[in-house]
């Protein structure tokens, strides 16, 4: 599939749109935030900026790649004819955005469904993508086989440290049931690592992993728009992105780190679930 697609060019489109829309939402945040609706729970919010940002991303992709498909967190859905579907998250980390915390991002990924290496549990694999963090102005990009980059500079990926010295990023869901389960898993994992960081955006977490700013990451309950671009960025930096056992990474569980640390984390998490 990617033999007939210029994945570097797709990454350029993803980066340009993510930056353009990111600057719009940063300006909107300075003007104040309006909650438009809630989703899975009262704490799972959608802002008017989420909706506007998705409209802008959809319009940009229609202009630049009119025959591609589109899947957006806030409901955008178009079936294309090229085999490429863009998976977008207009604001990953909406609660951070609501509270004016810096860890939120615009995520844009070009995906295909050919069963190739890197396929996630939703059946898609990203071949190009970008994550833009408006508060820092950092643009993370990657394309299949081209490595991962931060503002054009190659990213080093995570360090292969010992599990006990691993700075581990994770996140929590919005329902009481999911959070209760995640806390029980964390009770088992936390004593065995250096510390955890909970930044509130899966896209930011995975980009921090690619940049070597955290050593590993795991989370349960992610959706395709949460991880599509950032999982590719992590993989292209040299990280392993996996699920539990032979399962593909995705909603059930996504673990990322060096081969050794990701395998040791998977074992710890499996132990935690067996003990629940």
Protein backbone atom coordinates (compact mmCIF):
# COMPACT_ATOMS: atom_id res chain seq x y z
CA UNK A 1 0.00 0.00 0.00
CA UNK A 2 2.68 2.51 1.00
CA UNK A 3 4.64 1.76 -2.19
CA UNK A 4 2.07 3.86 -4.04
CA UNK A 5 1.80 6.62 -1.41
CA UNK A 6 4.34 9.36 -0.65
CA UNK A 7 4.27 8.95 3.12
CA UNK A 8 6.73 11.80 3.70
CA UNK A 9 4.37 14.13 1.85
CA UNK A 10 1.46 12.89 3.98
CA UNK A 11 3.49 13.64 7.11
CA UNK A 12 4.06 17.15 5.78
CA UNK A 13 0.31 17.64 5.36
CA UNK A 14 -0.32 16.26 8.85
CA UNK A 15 2.26 18.60 10.35
CA UNK A 16 1.04 21.70 8.55
CA UNK A 17 -2.59 21.12 9.51
CA UNK A 18 -1.79 20.17 13.11
CA UNK A 19 0.26 23.34 13.58
CA UNK A 20 -2.31 25.56 11.86
CA UNK A 21 -5.22 24.25 13.91
CA UNK A 22 -3.13 24.15 17.08
CA UNK A 23 -2.49 27.87 16.84
CA UNK A 24 -6.22 28.46 16.44
CA UNK A 25 -7.12 26.52 19.58
CA UNK A 26 -4.32 28.19 21.55
CA UNK A 27 -5.79 31.59 20.67
CA UNK A 28 -9.28 30.37 21.54
CA UNK A 29 -8.04 29.16 24.93
CA UNK A 30 -6.74 32.63 25.73
CA UNK A 31 -10.21 33.99 24.96
CA UNK A 32 -11.97 31.51 27.28
CA UNK A 33 -13.41 28.00 27.04
CA UNK A 34 -17.00 26.90 26.54
CA UNK A 35 -18.03 23.31 27.37
CA UNK A 36 -20.28 22.14 24.55
CA UNK A 37 -21.25 18.67 25.85
CA UNK A 38 -20.12 15.63 27.83
CA UNK A 39 -19.49 12.09 26.59
CA UNK A 40 -18.78 8.96 28.65
CA UNK A 41 -19.27 10.74 31.98
CA UNK A 42 -19.78 14.24 33.40
CA UNK A 43 -16.00 14.62 33.61
CA UNK A 44 -15.46 13.65 29.94
CA UNK A 45 -16.03 17.00 28.26
CA UNK A 46 -16.11 18.39 24.73
CA UNK A 47 -15.38 22.08 24.27
CA UNK A 48 -16.56 24.33 21.48
CA UNK A 49 -12.87 24.54 20.49
CA UNK A 50 -12.78 20.73 19.98
CA UNK A 51 -15.67 21.00 17.56
CA UNK A 52 -14.25 23.99 15.70
CA UNK A 53 -10.80 22.40 15.47
CA UNK A 54 -12.26 19.22 13.96
CA UNK A 55 -14.20 21.28 11.40
CA UNK A 56 -10.96 23.04 10.43
CA UNK A 57 -9.04 19.77 10.13
CA UNK A 58 -11.79 18.23 8.01
CA UNK A 59 -11.91 21.27 5.75
CA UNK A 60 -8.14 21.25 5.30
CA UNK A 61 -8.06 17.56 4.44
CA UNK A 62 -10.96 17.94 1.99
CA UNK A 63 -8.98 20.68 0.28
CA UNK A 64 -5.66 18.82 0.16
CA UNK A 65 -6.75 15.16 -0.06
CA UNK A 66 -10.39 15.19 -1.20
CA UNK A 67 -10.58 11.46 -2.02
CA UNK A 68 -9.26 10.18 1.34
CA UNK A 69 -11.39 9.00 4.24
CA UNK A 70 -11.67 10.73 7.60
CA UNK A 71 -12.34 9.62 11.17
CA UNK A 72 -12.49 12.25 13.91
CA UNK A 73 -13.06 12.07 17.65
CA UNK A 74 -15.94 14.52 17.54
CA UNK A 75 -17.90 12.66 14.88
CA UNK A 76 -16.35 13.47 11.50
CA UNK A 77 -16.60 10.39 9.30
CA UNK A 78 -16.02 10.08 5.56
CA UNK A 79 -15.36 6.99 3.47
CA UNK A 80 -12.65 7.57 0.89
CA UNK A 81 -11.59 5.85 -2.31
CA UNK A 82 -7.77 5.94 -1.98
CA UNK A 83 -7.26 3.45 0.85
CA UNK A 84 -5.99 6.27 3.10
CA UNK A 85 -8.07 7.38 6.09
CA UNK A 86 -7.09 10.35 8.21
CA UNK A 87 -7.63 9.81 11.95
CA UNK A 88 -7.70 13.09 13.84
CA UNK A 89 -7.99 14.25 17.43
CA UNK A 90 -8.67 18.00 17.44
CA UNK A 91 -7.65 18.36 21.09
CA UNK A 92 -6.12 15.38 22.85
CA UNK A 93 -6.16 16.39 26.50
CA UNK A 94 -9.39 18.37 26.53
CA UNK A 95 -9.60 18.49 30.34
CA UNK A 96 -6.08 19.97 30.41
CA UNK A 97 -7.26 22.50 27.82
CA UNK A 98 -10.31 23.30 29.95
CA UNK A 99 -8.12 23.99 33.01
CA UNK A 100 -5.40 25.80 31.04
CA UNK A 101 -2.83 23.08 31.72
CA UNK A 102 -0.15 22.81 29.04
CA UNK A 103 -0.34 19.12 28.05
CA UNK A 104 -2.79 19.11 25.16
CA UNK A 105 -2.20 18.52 21.48
CA UNK A 106 -3.62 18.28 17.96
CA UNK A 107 -3.09 14.83 16.46
CA UNK A 108 -3.35 14.03 12.73
CA UNK A 109 -2.52 10.63 11.20
CA UNK A 110 -2.80 9.05 7.75
CA UNK A 111 -3.74 5.39 8.15
CA UNK A 112 -4.23 2.34 5.95
CA UNK A 113 -5.86 -1.05 6.54
CA UNK A 114 -3.58 -3.60 4.93
CA UNK A 115 -2.62 -5.76 7.91
CA UNK A 116 1.02 -4.72 7.74
CA UNK A 117 3.44 -4.33 10.65
CA UNK A 118 2.23 -1.70 13.07
CA UNK A 119 -1.46 -2.56 12.67
CA UNK A 120 -3.41 -1.66 15.79
CA UNK A 121 -6.42 -3.45 17.30
CA UNK A 122 -8.84 -1.23 15.35
CA UNK A 123 -7.42 -2.66 12.11
CA UNK A 124 -5.59 0.49 11.03
CA UNK A 125 -1.93 1.36 10.97
CA UNK A 126 -0.57 4.86 10.69
CA UNK A 127 1.90 5.49 7.87
CA UNK A 128 2.35 9.21 8.52
CA UNK A 129 1.37 11.54 11.31
CA UNK A 130 1.98 14.61 13.39
CA UNK A 131 1.29 15.80 16.93
CA UNK A 132 1.47 19.52 17.67
CA UNK A 133 1.65 20.85 21.24
CA UNK A 134 0.46 24.47 21.06
CA UNK A 135 1.71 25.55 24.48
CA UNK A 136 5.32 24.61 23.69
CA UNK A 137 5.17 25.09 19.92
CA UNK A 138 6.65 21.60 19.45
CA UNK A 139 5.77 19.65 16.31
CA UNK A 140 6.37 15.90 16.39
CA UNK A 141 6.24 14.11 13.02
CA UNK A 142 6.89 10.65 11.61
CA UNK A 143 6.36 8.62 8.49
CA UNK A 144 6.82 4.92 7.90
CA UNK A 145 10.51 4.13 7.50
CA UNK A 146 11.52 7.77 7.90
CA UNK A 147 12.09 7.98 11.63
CA UNK A 148 10.49 10.31 14.16
CA UNK A 149 11.31 14.00 14.39
CA UNK A 150 10.79 16.99 16.66
CA UNK A 151 10.83 20.24 14.69
CA UNK A 152 12.88 18.48 12.03
CA UNK A 153 15.44 16.92 14.39
CA UNK A 154 15.60 13.12 14.68
CA UNK A 155 14.24 11.81 17.99
CA UNK A 156 16.35 9.39 20.08
CA UNK A 157 13.57 7.21 21.47
CA UNK A 158 13.44 5.86 25.04
CA UNK A 159 16.53 4.86 26.99
CA UNK A 160 16.93 1.18 27.84
CA UNK A 161 17.02 1.62 31.59
CA UNK A 162 16.25 -0.90 34.32
CA UNK A 163 12.59 -1.39 35.24
CA UNK A 164 13.22 -0.04 38.74
CA UNK A 165 14.60 3.18 37.26
CA UNK A 166 11.83 3.60 34.68
CA UNK A 167 9.89 6.85 34.65
CA UNK A 168 6.51 5.56 33.54
CA UNK A 169 3.71 7.57 31.94
CA UNK A 170 0.10 6.41 32.10
CA UNK A 171 -3.44 7.74 32.02
CA UNK A 172 -6.89 7.04 33.42
CA UNK A 173 -10.35 6.74 31.95
CA UNK A 174 -13.42 8.78 32.81
CA UNK A 175 -15.82 6.22 34.28
CA UNK A 176 -15.67 5.12 37.91
CA UNK A 177 -15.44 1.46 36.88
CA UNK A 178 -12.49 2.00 34.54
CA UNK A 179 -10.63 4.23 36.99
CA UNK A 180 -11.08 1.73 39.83
CA UNK A 181 -9.58 -1.01 37.67
CA UNK A 182 -6.70 1.20 36.56
CA UNK A 183 -5.83 2.16 40.12
CA UNK A 184 -5.64 -1.52 41.10
CA UNK A 185 -3.23 -2.19 38.24
CA UNK A 186 -1.16 0.84 39.22
CA UNK A 187 -0.96 -0.39 42.84
CA UNK A 188 0.90 -3.42 41.49
CA UNK A 189 3.11 -1.53 39.02
CA UNK A 190 4.10 1.62 40.93
CA UNK A 191 6.32 0.01 43.61
CA UNK A 192 8.40 -1.60 40.84
CA UNK A 193 9.28 1.53 38.84
CA UNK A 194 11.01 4.83 39.58
CA UNK A 195 7.81 6.91 39.47
CA UNK A 196 4.83 7.69 37.29
CA UNK A 197 3.75 10.72 35.32
CA UNK A 198 0.12 11.35 34.41
CA UNK A 199 0.08 14.17 31.86
CA UNK A 200 -3.51 13.79 30.67
CA UNK A 201 -2.89 13.28 26.95
CA UNK A 202 -1.97 9.96 25.36
CA UNK A 203 -0.58 11.75 22.31
CA UNK A 204 1.71 13.87 24.50
CA UNK A 205 2.75 10.83 26.57
CA UNK A 206 3.83 8.85 23.50
CA UNK A 207 5.70 11.84 22.05
CA UNK A 208 7.50 12.33 25.36
CA UNK A 209 8.53 8.67 25.12
CA UNK A 210 9.86 9.23 21.60
CA UNK A 211 11.81 12.25 22.84
CA UNK A 212 13.33 10.25 25.72
CA UNK A 213 11.59 12.39 28.35
CA UNK A 214 9.85 9.36 29.87
CA UNK A 215 11.05 5.76 29.69
CA UNK A 216 7.81 3.86 29.08
CA UNK A 217 4.05 4.25 28.79
CA UNK A 218 0.93 2.15 29.14
CA UNK A 219 -2.79 2.80 29.14
CA UNK A 220 -6.10 0.97 28.80
CA UNK A 221 -9.17 2.42 27.07
CA UNK A 222 -7.56 4.45 24.30
CA UNK A 223 -9.39 5.14 21.05
CA UNK A 224 -7.80 5.28 17.56
CA UNK A 225 -7.64 9.09 17.49
CA UNK A 226 -5.80 9.08 20.82
CA UNK A 227 -2.89 7.01 19.58
CA UNK A 228 -2.85 6.90 15.76
CA UNK A 229 -0.19 9.55 15.11
CA UNK A 230 1.69 9.29 18.40
CA UNK A 231 2.08 5.49 18.33
CA UNK A 232 3.71 5.83 14.91
CA UNK A 233 6.00 8.56 16.28
CA UNK A 234 6.98 6.27 19.17
CA UNK A 235 7.60 3.29 16.86
CA UNK A 236 9.66 5.33 14.43
CA UNK A 237 11.80 6.59 17.32
CA UNK A 238 12.72 2.98 18.06
CA UNK A 239 10.15 2.10 20.73
CA UNK A 240 8.10 -1.09 20.74
CA UNK A 241 4.33 -0.54 20.79
CA UNK A 242 2.50 -3.68 21.90
CA UNK A 243 -0.50 -5.14 23.68
CA UNK A 244 -0.74 -7.97 26.20
CA UNK A 245 0.38 -11.39 24.98
CA UNK A 246 -0.26 -11.75 21.28
CA UNK A 247 -2.98 -9.08 21.24
CA UNK A 248 -2.53 -6.05 19.03
CA UNK A 249 -2.11 -2.73 20.89
CA UNK A 250 -5.11 -0.47 21.17
CA UNK A 251 -8.18 -0.06 23.32
CA UNK A 252 -7.64 -3.11 25.53
CA UNK A 253 -4.09 -2.07 26.31
CA UNK A 254 -1.23 -0.15 24.75
CA UNK A 255 2.30 -0.53 26.14
CA UNK A 256 5.30 1.31 24.73
CA UNK A 257 9.00 1.33 25.57
CA UNK A 258 12.19 -0.46 24.71
CA UNK A 259 11.75 -4.17 23.85
CA UNK A 260 12.91 -5.26 27.31
CA UNK A 261 11.00 -2.71 29.37
CA UNK A 262 7.77 -3.12 27.38
CA UNK A 263 7.95 -6.90 27.89
CA UNK A 264 8.59 -6.52 31.63
CA UNK A 265 5.72 -4.05 31.92
CA UNK A 266 3.41 -6.46 30.10
CA UNK A 267 4.31 -9.17 32.62
CA UNK A 268 3.61 -6.84 35.56
CA UNK A 269 0.26 -5.79 34.14
CA UNK A 270 -0.75 -9.38 33.45
CA UNK A 271 0.11 -10.22 37.07
CA UNK A 272 -2.03 -7.31 38.25
CA UNK A 273 -5.06 -8.48 36.30
CA UNK A 274 -4.67 -12.05 37.50
CA UNK A 275 -4.70 -10.78 41.09
CA UNK A 276 -7.89 -8.72 40.70
